[in-house]
PDB file of N, CA and C in Angstrom:
ATOM      1  N   MET A   1      33.566  -8.851   1.239  1.00  0.00           N
ATOM      2  CA  MET A   1      33.440  -8.743  -0.193  1.00  0.00           C
ATOM      3  C   MET A   1      32.356  -7.712  -0.523  1.00  0.00           C
ATOM      4  N   PRO A   2      32.687  -6.673  -1.243  1.00  0.00           N
ATOM      5  CA  PRO A   2      31.706  -5.631  -1.553  1.00  0.00           C
ATOM      6  C   PRO A   2      30.633  -6.127  -2.519  1.00  0.00           C
ATOM      7  N   LEU A   3      29.450  -5.607  -2.340  1.00  0.00           N
ATOM      8  CA  LEU A   3      28.356  -5.925  -3.250  1.00  0.00           C
ATOM      9  C   LEU A   3      28.393  -4.968  -4.428  1.00  0.00           C
ATOM     10  N   LYS A   4      27.949  -5.471  -5.564  1.00  0.00           N
ATOM     11  CA  LYS A   4      27.940  -4.636  -6.763  1.00  0.00           C
ATOM     12  C   LYS A   4      26.539  -4.640  -7.351  1.00  0.00           C
ATOM     13  N   GLY A   5      26.283  -3.649  -8.137  1.00  0.00           N
ATOM     14  CA  GLY A   5      25.010  -3.583  -8.826  1.00  0.00           C
ATOM     15  C   GLY A   5      24.314  -2.264  -8.601  1.00  0.00           C
ATOM     16  N   ARG A   6      23.142  -2.160  -9.207  1.00  0.00           N
ATOM     17  CA  ARG A   6      22.337  -0.954  -9.088  1.00  0.00           C
ATOM     18  C   ARG A   6      20.906  -1.347  -8.764  1.00  0.00           C
ATOM     19  N   VAL A   7      20.233  -0.474  -8.079  1.00  0.00           N
ATOM     20  CA  VAL A   7      18.818  -0.658  -7.797  1.00  0.00           C
ATOM     21  C   VAL A   7      18.090   0.456  -8.535  1.00  0.00           C
ATOM     22  N   THR A   8      17.352   0.071  -9.590  1.00  0.00           N
ATOM     23  CA  THR A   8      16.620   1.071 -10.361  1.00  0.00           C
ATOM     24  C   THR A   8      15.154   0.689 -10.449  1.00  0.00           C
ATOM     25  N   PHE A   9      14.345   1.699 -10.612  1.00  0.00           N
ATOM     26  CA  PHE A   9      12.912   1.513 -10.794  1.00  0.00           C
ATOM     27  C   PHE A   9      12.443   2.598 -11.747  1.00  0.00           C
ATOM     28  N   ALA A  10      11.798   2.180 -12.825  1.00  0.00           N
ATOM     29  CA  ALA A  10      11.330   3.123 -13.849  1.00  0.00           C
ATOM     30  C   ALA A  10      12.469   4.026 -14.323  1.00  0.00           C
ATOM     31  N   GLY A  11      13.647   3.442 -14.449  1.00  0.00           N
ATOM     32  CA  GLY A  11      14.801   4.172 -14.940  1.00  0.00           C
ATOM     33  C   GLY A  11      15.479   5.086 -13.940  1.00  0.00           C
ATOM     34  N   GLN A  12      14.999   5.118 -12.708  1.00  0.00           N
ATOM     35  CA  GLN A  12      15.565   6.006 -11.692  1.00  0.00           C
ATOM     36  C   GLN A  12      16.370   5.186 -10.680  1.00  0.00           C
ATOM     37  N   ASP A  13      17.546   5.686 -10.308  1.00  0.00           N
ATOM     38  CA  ASP A  13      18.385   5.027  -9.313  1.00  0.00           C
ATOM     39  C   ASP A  13      17.747   5.204  -7.938  1.00  0.00           C
ATOM     40  N   MET A  14      17.410   4.111  -7.280  1.00  0.00           N
ATOM     41  CA  MET A  14      16.723   4.158  -5.991  1.00  0.00           C
ATOM     42  C   MET A  14      17.665   4.027  -4.791  1.00  0.00           C
ATOM     43  N   ALA A  15      18.889   3.615  -5.020  1.00  0.00           N
ATOM     44  CA  ALA A  15      19.794   3.252  -3.934  1.00  0.00           C
ATOM     45  C   ALA A  15      20.021   4.367  -2.914  1.00  0.00           C
ATOM     46  N   ARG A  16      20.099   5.582  -3.362  1.00  0.00           N
ATOM     47  CA  ARG A  16      20.426   6.671  -2.447  1.00  0.00           C
ATOM     48  C   ARG A  16      19.212   7.509  -2.022  1.00  0.00           C
ATOM     49  N   LEU A  17      18.027   7.119  -2.463  1.00  0.00           N
ATOM     50  CA  LEU A  17      16.831   7.881  -2.108  1.00  0.00           C
ATOM     51  C   LEU A  17      16.371   7.565  -0.693  1.00  0.00           C
ATOM     52  N   GLU A  18      15.780   8.556  -0.053  1.00  0.00           N
ATOM     53  CA  GLU A  18      15.149   8.349   1.249  1.00  0.00           C
ATOM     54  C   GLU A  18      13.904   7.491   1.048  1.00  0.00           C
ATOM     55  N   ILE A  19      13.454   6.814   2.085  1.00  0.00           N
ATOM     56  CA  ILE A  19      12.314   5.908   1.979  1.00  0.00           C
ATOM     57  C   ILE A  19      11.066   6.633   1.469  1.00  0.00           C
ATOM     58  N   GLU A  20      10.843   7.867   1.917  1.00  0.00           N
ATOM     59  CA  GLU A  20       9.672   8.621   1.468  1.00  0.00           C
ATOM     60  C   GLU A  20       9.710   8.855  -0.041  1.00  0.00           C
ATOM     61  N   ASP A  21      10.902   9.091  -0.566  1.00  0.00           N
ATOM     62  CA  ASP A  21      11.045   9.307  -2.003  1.00  0.00           C
ATOM     63  C   ASP A  21      10.848   8.007  -2.778  1.00  0.00           C
ATOM     64  N   ARG A  22      11.255   6.896  -2.204  1.00  0.00           N
ATOM     65  CA  ARG A  22      11.026   5.601  -2.846  1.00  0.00           C
ATOM     66  C   ARG A  22       9.535   5.288  -2.911  1.00  0.00           C
ATOM     67  N   VAL A  23       8.830   5.564  -1.833  1.00  0.00           N
ATOM     68  CA  VAL A  23       7.385   5.342  -1.814  1.00  0.00           C
ATOM     69  C   VAL A  23       6.704   6.267  -2.814  1.00  0.00           C
ATOM     70  N   ALA A  24       7.112   7.523  -2.850  1.00  0.00           N
ATOM     71  CA  ALA A  24       6.531   8.479  -3.797  1.00  0.00           C
ATOM     72  C   ALA A  24       6.755   8.032  -5.240  1.00  0.00           C
ATOM     73  N   ALA A  25       7.853   7.319  -5.487  1.00  0.00           N
ATOM     74  CA  ALA A  25       8.146   6.818  -6.829  1.00  0.00           C
ATOM     75  C   ALA A  25       7.310   5.595  -7.181  1.00  0.00           C
ATOM     76  N   GLY A  26       6.644   5.008  -6.179  1.00  0.00           N
ATOM     77  CA  GLY A  26       5.769   3.870  -6.450  1.00  0.00           C
ATOM     78  C   GLY A  26       6.230   2.548  -5.894  1.00  0.00           C
ATOM     79  N   LEU A  27       7.298   2.524  -5.111  1.00  0.00           N
ATOM     80  CA  LEU A  27       7.778   1.277  -4.528  1.00  0.00           C
ATOM     81  C   LEU A  27       7.078   0.994  -3.207  1.00  0.00           C
ATOM     82  N   SER A  28       6.870  -0.271  -2.926  1.00  0.00           N
ATOM     83  CA  SER A  28       6.315  -0.657  -1.630  1.00  0.00           C
ATOM     84  C   SER A  28       6.768  -2.066  -1.295  1.00  0.00           C
ATOM     85  N   LEU A  29       6.540  -2.455  -0.066  1.00  0.00           N
ATOM     86  CA  LEU A  29       6.892  -3.785   0.414  1.00  0.00           C
ATOM     87  C   LEU A  29       5.620  -4.475   0.876  1.00  0.00           C
ATOM     88  N   VAL A  30       5.442  -5.724   0.475  1.00  0.00           N
ATOM     89  CA  VAL A  30       4.310  -6.513   0.955  1.00  0.00           C
ATOM     90  C   VAL A  30       4.887  -7.646   1.797  1.00  0.00           C
ATOM     91  N   PRO A  31       4.822  -7.506   3.115  1.00  0.00           N
ATOM     92  CA  PRO A  31       5.375  -8.549   3.971  1.00  0.00           C
ATOM     93  C   PRO A  31       4.588  -9.848   3.853  1.00  0.00           C
ATOM     94  N   GLU A  32       5.251 -10.961   4.020  1.00  0.00           N
ATOM     95  CA  GLU A  32       4.616 -12.270   3.921  1.00  0.00           C
ATOM     96  C   GLU A  32       3.425 -12.382   4.871  1.00  0.00           C
ATOM     97  N   HIS A  33       3.559 -11.793   6.042  1.00  0.00           N
ATOM     98  CA  HIS A  33       2.498 -11.918   7.042  1.00  0.00           C
ATOM     99  C   HIS A  33       1.470 -10.805   6.940  1.00  0.00           C
ATOM    100  N   ARG A  34       1.574 -10.000   5.930  1.00  0.00           N
ATOM    101  CA  ARG A  34       0.623  -8.950   5.560  1.00  0.00           C
ATOM    102  C   ARG A  34       0.535  -7.791   6.541  1.00  0.00           C
ATOM    103  N   GLU A  35       0.667  -8.038   7.843  1.00  0.00           N
ATOM    104  CA  GLU A  35       0.708  -6.963   8.839  1.00  0.00           C
ATOM    105  C   GLU A  35      -0.496  -6.025   8.759  1.00  0.00           C
ATOM    106  N   LEU A  36      -1.689  -6.577   8.639  1.00  0.00           N
ATOM    107  CA  LEU A  36      -2.911  -5.787   8.631  1.00  0.00           C
ATOM    108  C   LEU A  36      -3.436  -5.619  10.049  1.00  0.00           C
ATOM    109  N   PHE A  37      -4.299  -4.653  10.240  1.00  0.00           N
ATOM    110  CA  PHE A  37      -5.001  -4.476  11.503  1.00  0.00           C
ATOM    111  C   PHE A  37      -6.309  -5.242  11.377  1.00  0.00           C
ATOM    112  N   ALA A  38      -6.348  -6.454  11.913  1.00  0.00           N
ATOM    113  CA  ALA A  38      -7.462  -7.375  11.692  1.00  0.00           C
ATOM    114  C   ALA A  38      -8.799  -6.847  12.177  1.00  0.00           C
ATOM    115  N   THR A  39      -8.800  -6.024  13.218  1.00  0.00           N
ATOM    116  CA  THR A  39     -10.062  -5.540  13.787  1.00  0.00           C
ATOM    117  C   THR A  39     -10.464  -4.170  13.237  1.00  0.00           C
ATOM    118  N   MET A  40      -9.757  -3.715  12.209  1.00  0.00           N
ATOM    119  CA  MET A  40     -10.109  -2.466  11.535  1.00  0.00           C
ATOM    120  C   MET A  40     -10.677  -2.789  10.161  1.00  0.00           C
ATOM    121  N   THR A  41     -11.465  -1.885   9.612  1.00  0.00           N
ATOM    122  CA  THR A  41     -12.054  -2.106   8.296  1.00  0.00           C
ATOM    123  C   THR A  41     -11.001  -2.005   7.193  1.00  0.00           C
ATOM    124  N   VAL A  42     -11.385  -2.446   6.015  1.00  0.00           N
ATOM    125  CA  VAL A  42     -10.525  -2.324   4.833  1.00  0.00           C
ATOM    126  C   VAL A  42     -10.157  -0.857   4.617  1.00  0.00           C
ATOM    127  N   GLU A  43     -11.152   0.008   4.671  1.00  0.00           N
ATOM    128  CA  GLU A  43     -10.914   1.436   4.456  1.00  0.00           C
ATOM    129  C   GLU A  43      -9.979   2.021   5.516  1.00  0.00           C
ATOM    130  N   ASP A  44     -10.174   1.651   6.770  1.00  0.00           N
ATOM    131  CA  ASP A  44      -9.314   2.160   7.845  1.00  0.00           C
ATOM    132  C   ASP A  44      -7.890   1.621   7.737  1.00  0.00           C
ATOM    133  N   ASN A  45      -7.729   0.371   7.309  1.00  0.00           N
ATOM    134  CA  ASN A  45      -6.385  -0.167   7.074  1.00  0.00           C
ATOM    135  C   ASN A  45      -5.698   0.635   5.987  1.00  0.00           C
ATOM    136  N   SER A  46      -6.433   0.987   4.944  1.00  0.00           N
ATOM    137  CA  SER A  46      -5.862   1.778   3.859  1.00  0.00           C
ATOM    138  C   SER A  46      -5.419   3.138   4.357  1.00  0.00           C
ATOM    139  N   ALA A  47      -6.261   3.763   5.165  1.00  0.00           N
ATOM    140  CA  ALA A  47      -5.934   5.091   5.689  1.00  0.00           C
ATOM    141  C   ALA A  47      -4.699   5.032   6.580  1.00  0.00           C
ATOM    142  N   ALA A  48      -4.559   3.963   7.346  1.00  0.00           N
ATOM    143  CA  ALA A  48      -3.412   3.820   8.247  1.00  0.00           C
ATOM    144  C   ALA A  48      -2.113   3.656   7.482  1.00  0.00           C
ATOM    145  N   ARG A  49      -2.184   3.200   6.256  1.00  0.00           N
ATOM    146  CA  ARG A  49      -0.990   2.971   5.449  1.00  0.00           C
ATOM    147  C   ARG A  49      -0.631   4.153   4.562  1.00  0.00           C
ATOM    148  N   ARG A  50      -1.450   5.160   4.519  1.00  0.00           N
ATOM    149  CA  ARG A  50      -1.214   6.304   3.643  1.00  0.00           C
ATOM    150  C   ARG A  50      -0.713   7.494   4.438  1.00  0.00           C
ATOM    151  N   VAL A  51       0.119   8.267   3.797  1.00  0.00           N
ATOM    152  CA  VAL A  51       0.592   9.512   4.394  1.00  0.00           C
ATOM    153  C   VAL A  51      -0.157  10.636   3.696  1.00  0.00           C
ATOM    154  N   PRO A  52      -0.921  11.429   4.450  1.00  0.00           N
ATOM    155  CA  PRO A  52      -1.678  12.506   3.808  1.00  0.00           C
ATOM    156  C   PRO A  52      -0.749  13.495   3.111  1.00  0.00           C
ATOM    157  N   ASP A  53      -1.190  13.979   1.961  1.00  0.00           N
ATOM    158  CA  ASP A  53      -0.394  15.009   1.300  1.00  0.00           C
ATOM    159  C   ASP A  53      -0.814  16.377   1.837  1.00  0.00           C
ATOM    160  N   ARG A  54      -0.166  17.401   1.376  1.00  0.00           N
ATOM    161  CA  ARG A  54      -0.416  18.746   1.910  1.00  0.00           C
ATOM    162  C   ARG A  54      -1.830  19.234   1.642  1.00  0.00           C
ATOM    163  N   GLU A  55      -2.438  18.713   0.582  1.00  0.00           N
ATOM    164  CA  GLU A  55      -3.792  19.150   0.233  1.00  0.00           C
ATOM    165  C   GLU A  55      -4.853  18.210   0.796  1.00  0.00           C
ATOM    166  N   GLY A  56      -4.470  17.292   1.675  1.00  0.00           N
ATOM    167  CA  GLY A  56      -5.447  16.364   2.236  1.00  0.00           C
ATOM    168  C   GLY A  56      -5.866  15.289   1.244  1.00  0.00           C
ATOM    169  N   GLY A  57      -5.006  14.948   0.311  1.00  0.00           N
ATOM    170  CA  GLY A  57      -5.341  14.011  -0.751  1.00  0.00           C
ATOM    171  C   GLY A  57      -5.322  12.550  -0.350  1.00  0.00           C
ATOM    172  N   CYS A  58      -5.031  12.261   0.895  1.00  0.00           N
ATOM    173  CA  CYS A  58      -4.963  10.872   1.347  1.00  0.00           C
ATOM    174  C   CYS A  58      -6.262  10.133   1.046  1.00  0.00           C
ATOM    175  N   ARG A  59      -7.393  10.686   1.362  1.00  0.00           N
ATOM    176  CA  ARG A  59      -8.677  10.034   1.130  1.00  0.00           C
ATOM    177  C   ARG A  59      -8.919   9.812  -0.357  1.00  0.00           C
ATOM    178  N   LYS A  60      -8.472  10.760  -1.194  1.00  0.00           N
ATOM    179  CA  LYS A  60      -8.622  10.595  -2.638  1.00  0.00           C
ATOM    180  C   LYS A  60      -7.880   9.361  -3.122  1.00  0.00           C
ATOM    181  N   ILE A  61      -6.673   9.150  -2.608  1.00  0.00           N
ATOM    182  CA  ILE A  61      -5.871   7.987  -2.990  1.00  0.00           C
ATOM    183  C   ILE A  61      -6.585   6.711  -2.582  1.00  0.00           C
ATOM    184  N   ILE A  62      -7.133   6.685  -1.390  1.00  0.00           N
ATOM    185  CA  ILE A  62      -7.831   5.492  -0.910  1.00  0.00           C
ATOM    186  C   ILE A  62      -9.037   5.203  -1.780  1.00  0.00           C
ATOM    187  N   ARG A  63      -9.847   6.217  -2.082  1.00  0.00           N
ATOM    188  CA  ARG A  63     -11.025   6.002  -2.913  1.00  0.00           C
ATOM    189  C   ARG A  63     -10.631   5.512  -4.293  1.00  0.00           C
ATOM    190  N   ALA A  64      -9.573   6.094  -4.869  1.00  0.00           N
ATOM    191  CA  ALA A  64      -9.126   5.663  -6.193  1.00  0.00           C
ATOM    192  C   ALA A  64      -8.685   4.208  -6.162  1.00  0.00           C
ATOM    193  N   GLY A  65      -7.975   3.825  -5.114  1.00  0.00           N
ATOM    194  CA  GLY A  65      -7.536   2.437  -4.990  1.00  0.00           C
ATOM    195  C   GLY A  65      -8.693   1.482  -4.817  1.00  0.00           C
ATOM    196  N   LEU A  66      -9.670   1.869  -4.014  1.00  0.00           N
ATOM    197  CA  LEU A  66     -10.844   1.014  -3.821  1.00  0.00           C
ATOM    198  C   LEU A  66     -11.601   0.847  -5.124  1.00  0.00           C
ATOM    199  N   CYS A  67     -11.661   1.897  -5.919  1.00  0.00           N
ATOM    200  CA  CYS A  67     -12.334   1.797  -7.215  1.00  0.00           C
ATOM    201  C   CYS A  67     -11.558   0.889  -8.162  1.00  0.00           C
ATOM    202  N   ALA A  68     -10.232   0.894  -8.054  1.00  0.00           N
ATOM    203  CA  ALA A  68      -9.414   0.064  -8.931  1.00  0.00           C
ATOM    204  C   ALA A  68      -9.569  -1.416  -8.614  1.00  0.00           C
ATOM    205  N   VAL A  69      -9.863  -1.743  -7.397  1.00  0.00           N
ATOM    206  CA  VAL A  69     -10.024  -3.140  -6.994  1.00  0.00           C
ATOM    207  C   VAL A  69     -11.439  -3.297  -6.463  1.00  0.00           C
ATOM    208  N   SER A  70     -12.368  -3.595  -7.364  1.00  0.00           N
ATOM    209  CA  SER A  70     -13.779  -3.583  -6.991  1.00  0.00           C
ATOM    210  C   SER A  70     -14.092  -4.572  -5.874  1.00  0.00           C
ATOM    211  N   ARG A  71     -13.372  -5.672  -5.809  1.00  0.00           N
ATOM    212  CA  ARG A  71     -13.612  -6.654  -4.739  1.00  0.00           C
ATOM    213  C   ARG A  71     -13.415  -6.008  -3.366  1.00  0.00           C
ATOM    214  N   LEU A  72     -12.405  -5.169  -3.237  1.00  0.00           N
ATOM    215  CA  LEU A  72     -12.172  -4.492  -1.962  1.00  0.00           C
ATOM    216  C   LEU A  72     -13.123  -3.312  -1.776  1.00  0.00           C
ATOM    217  N   LYS A  73     -13.516  -2.676  -2.867  1.00  0.00           N
ATOM    218  CA  LYS A  73     -14.486  -1.585  -2.760  1.00  0.00           C
ATOM    219  C   LYS A  73     -15.770  -2.111  -2.135  1.00  0.00           C
ATOM    220  N   GLU A  74     -16.198  -3.279  -2.568  1.00  0.00           N
ATOM    221  CA  GLU A  74     -17.407  -3.897  -2.022  1.00  0.00           C
ATOM    222  C   GLU A  74     -17.247  -4.239  -0.542  1.00  0.00           C
ATOM    223  N   ARG A  75     -16.033  -4.414  -0.097  1.00  0.00           N
ATOM    224  CA  ARG A  75     -15.762  -4.837   1.283  1.00  0.00           C
ATOM    225  C   ARG A  75     -15.138  -3.733   2.130  1.00  0.00           C
ATOM    226  N   ARG A  76     -15.249  -2.492   1.701  1.00  0.00           N
ATOM    227  CA  ARG A  76     -14.547  -1.392   2.377  1.00  0.00           C
ATOM    228  C   ARG A  76     -14.902  -1.257   3.855  1.00  0.00           C
ATOM    229  N   ARG A  77     -16.074  -1.686   4.248  1.00  0.00           N
ATOM    230  CA  ARG A  77     -16.478  -1.590   5.655  1.00  0.00           C
ATOM    231  C   ARG A  77     -16.316  -2.916   6.404  1.00  0.00           C
ATOM    232  N   GLN A  78     -15.794  -3.914   5.716  1.00  0.00           N
ATOM    233  CA  GLN A  78     -15.571  -5.236   6.316  1.00  0.00           C
ATOM    234  C   GLN A  78     -14.265  -5.235   7.106  1.00  0.00           C
ATOM    235  N   LEU A  79     -14.226  -5.990   8.195  1.00  0.00           N
ATOM    236  CA  LEU A  79     -12.996  -6.093   8.984  1.00  0.00           C
ATOM    237  C   LEU A  79     -11.934  -6.833   8.180  1.00  0.00           C
ATOM    238  N   ALA A  80     -10.728  -6.320   8.206  1.00  0.00           N
ATOM    239  CA  ALA A  80      -9.637  -6.905   7.423  1.00  0.00           C
ATOM    240  C   ALA A  80      -9.380  -8.360   7.795  1.00  0.00           C
ATOM    241  N   GLY A  81      -9.562  -8.702   9.071  1.00  0.00           N
ATOM    242  CA  GLY A  81      -9.314 -10.068   9.513  1.00  0.00           C
ATOM    243  C   GLY A  81     -10.290 -11.083   8.964  1.00  0.00           C
ATOM    244  N   THR A  82     -11.396 -10.616   8.381  1.00  0.00           N
ATOM    245  CA  THR A  82     -12.390 -11.540   7.830  1.00  0.00           C
ATOM    246  C   THR A  82     -12.248 -11.715   6.319  1.00  0.00           C
ATOM    247  N   LEU A  83     -11.302 -11.030   5.708  1.00  0.00           N
ATOM    248  CA  LEU A  83     -11.057 -11.166   4.272  1.00  0.00           C
ATOM    249  C   LEU A  83     -10.385 -12.499   3.966  1.00  0.00           C
ATOM    250  N   SER A  84     -10.532 -12.954   2.735  1.00  0.00           N
ATOM    251  CA  SER A  84      -9.799 -14.147   2.303  1.00  0.00           C
ATOM    252  C   SER A  84      -8.313 -13.812   2.218  1.00  0.00           C
ATOM    253  N   GLY A  85      -7.480 -14.827   2.102  1.00  0.00           N
ATOM    254  CA  GLY A  85      -6.035 -14.598   1.997  1.00  0.00           C
ATOM    255  C   GLY A  85      -5.666 -13.723   0.819  1.00  0.00           C
ATOM    256  N   GLY A  86      -6.294 -13.952  -0.327  1.00  0.00           N
ATOM    257  CA  GLY A  86      -6.013 -13.145  -1.515  1.00  0.00           C
ATOM    258  C   GLY A  86      -6.445 -11.702  -1.344  1.00  0.00           C
ATOM    259  N   GLU A  87      -7.603 -11.511  -0.720  1.00  0.00           N
ATOM    260  CA  GLU A  87      -8.078 -10.153  -0.473  1.00  0.00           C
ATOM    261  C   GLU A  87      -7.166  -9.437   0.519  1.00  0.00           C
ATOM    262  N   GLN A  88      -6.696 -10.151   1.526  1.00  0.00           N
ATOM    263  CA  GLN A  88      -5.754  -9.549   2.470  1.00  0.00           C
ATOM    264  C   GLN A  88      -4.465  -9.147   1.759  1.00  0.00           C
ATOM    265  N   GLN A  89      -4.023  -9.968   0.820  1.00  0.00           N
ATOM    266  CA  GLN A  89      -2.806  -9.642   0.074  1.00  0.00           C
ATOM    267  C   GLN A  89      -3.022  -8.380  -0.757  1.00  0.00           C
ATOM    268  N   MET A  90      -4.191  -8.268  -1.397  1.00  0.00           N
ATOM    269  CA  MET A  90      -4.502  -7.052  -2.158  1.00  0.00           C
ATOM    270  C   MET A  90      -4.454  -5.827  -1.256  1.00  0.00           C
ATOM    271  N   LEU A  91      -5.047  -5.958  -0.073  1.00  0.00           N
ATOM    272  CA  LEU A  91      -5.071  -4.849   0.870  1.00  0.00           C
ATOM    273  C   LEU A  91      -3.649  -4.513   1.338  1.00  0.00           C
ATOM    274  N   ALA A  92      -2.854  -5.523   1.624  1.00  0.00           N
ATOM    275  CA  ALA A  92      -1.479  -5.304   2.074  1.00  0.00           C
ATOM    276  C   ALA A  92      -0.634  -4.648   0.990  1.00  0.00           C
ATOM    277  N   MET A  93      -0.932  -4.956  -0.274  1.00  0.00           N
ATOM    278  CA  MET A  93      -0.180  -4.366  -1.380  1.00  0.00           C
ATOM    279  C   MET A  93      -0.537  -2.897  -1.580  1.00  0.00           C
ATOM    280  N   GLY A  94      -1.529  -2.449  -0.847  1.00  0.00           N
ATOM    281  CA  GLY A  94      -1.888  -1.048  -0.960  1.00  0.00           C
ATOM    282  C   GLY A  94      -2.819  -0.758  -2.109  1.00  0.00           C
ATOM    283  N   ALA A  95      -3.467  -1.810  -2.620  1.00  0.00           N
ATOM    284  CA  ALA A  95      -4.395  -1.601  -3.730  1.00  0.00           C
ATOM    285  C   ALA A  95      -5.456  -0.588  -3.382  1.00  0.00           C
ATOM    286  N   PRO A  96      -6.068  -0.682  -2.209  1.00  0.00           N
ATOM    287  CA  PRO A  96      -7.046   0.345  -1.904  1.00  0.00           C
ATOM    288  C   PRO A  96      -6.397   1.540  -1.248  1.00  0.00           C
TER     289      PRO A  96
END
């Protein structure tokens, strides 16, 4: 039985886009198990999840995210495995 429907985000059809284009549009996945690197810092986990742009803007994105979530900004040098469950979820969502 064929599936029907559309997958849209911000008015754009996402179904046929490559994964990189979906991420560029602002979509992401937060796995239930968070999949963080427990022995790496908050900042290093953020860097591992970002793809640098041509101008080296990866660090800018991380700093902007850390500023947006002050709780994680305060913990940027803390090991991800020592964060609370909620803080780990914020980190997994790519907030920083």
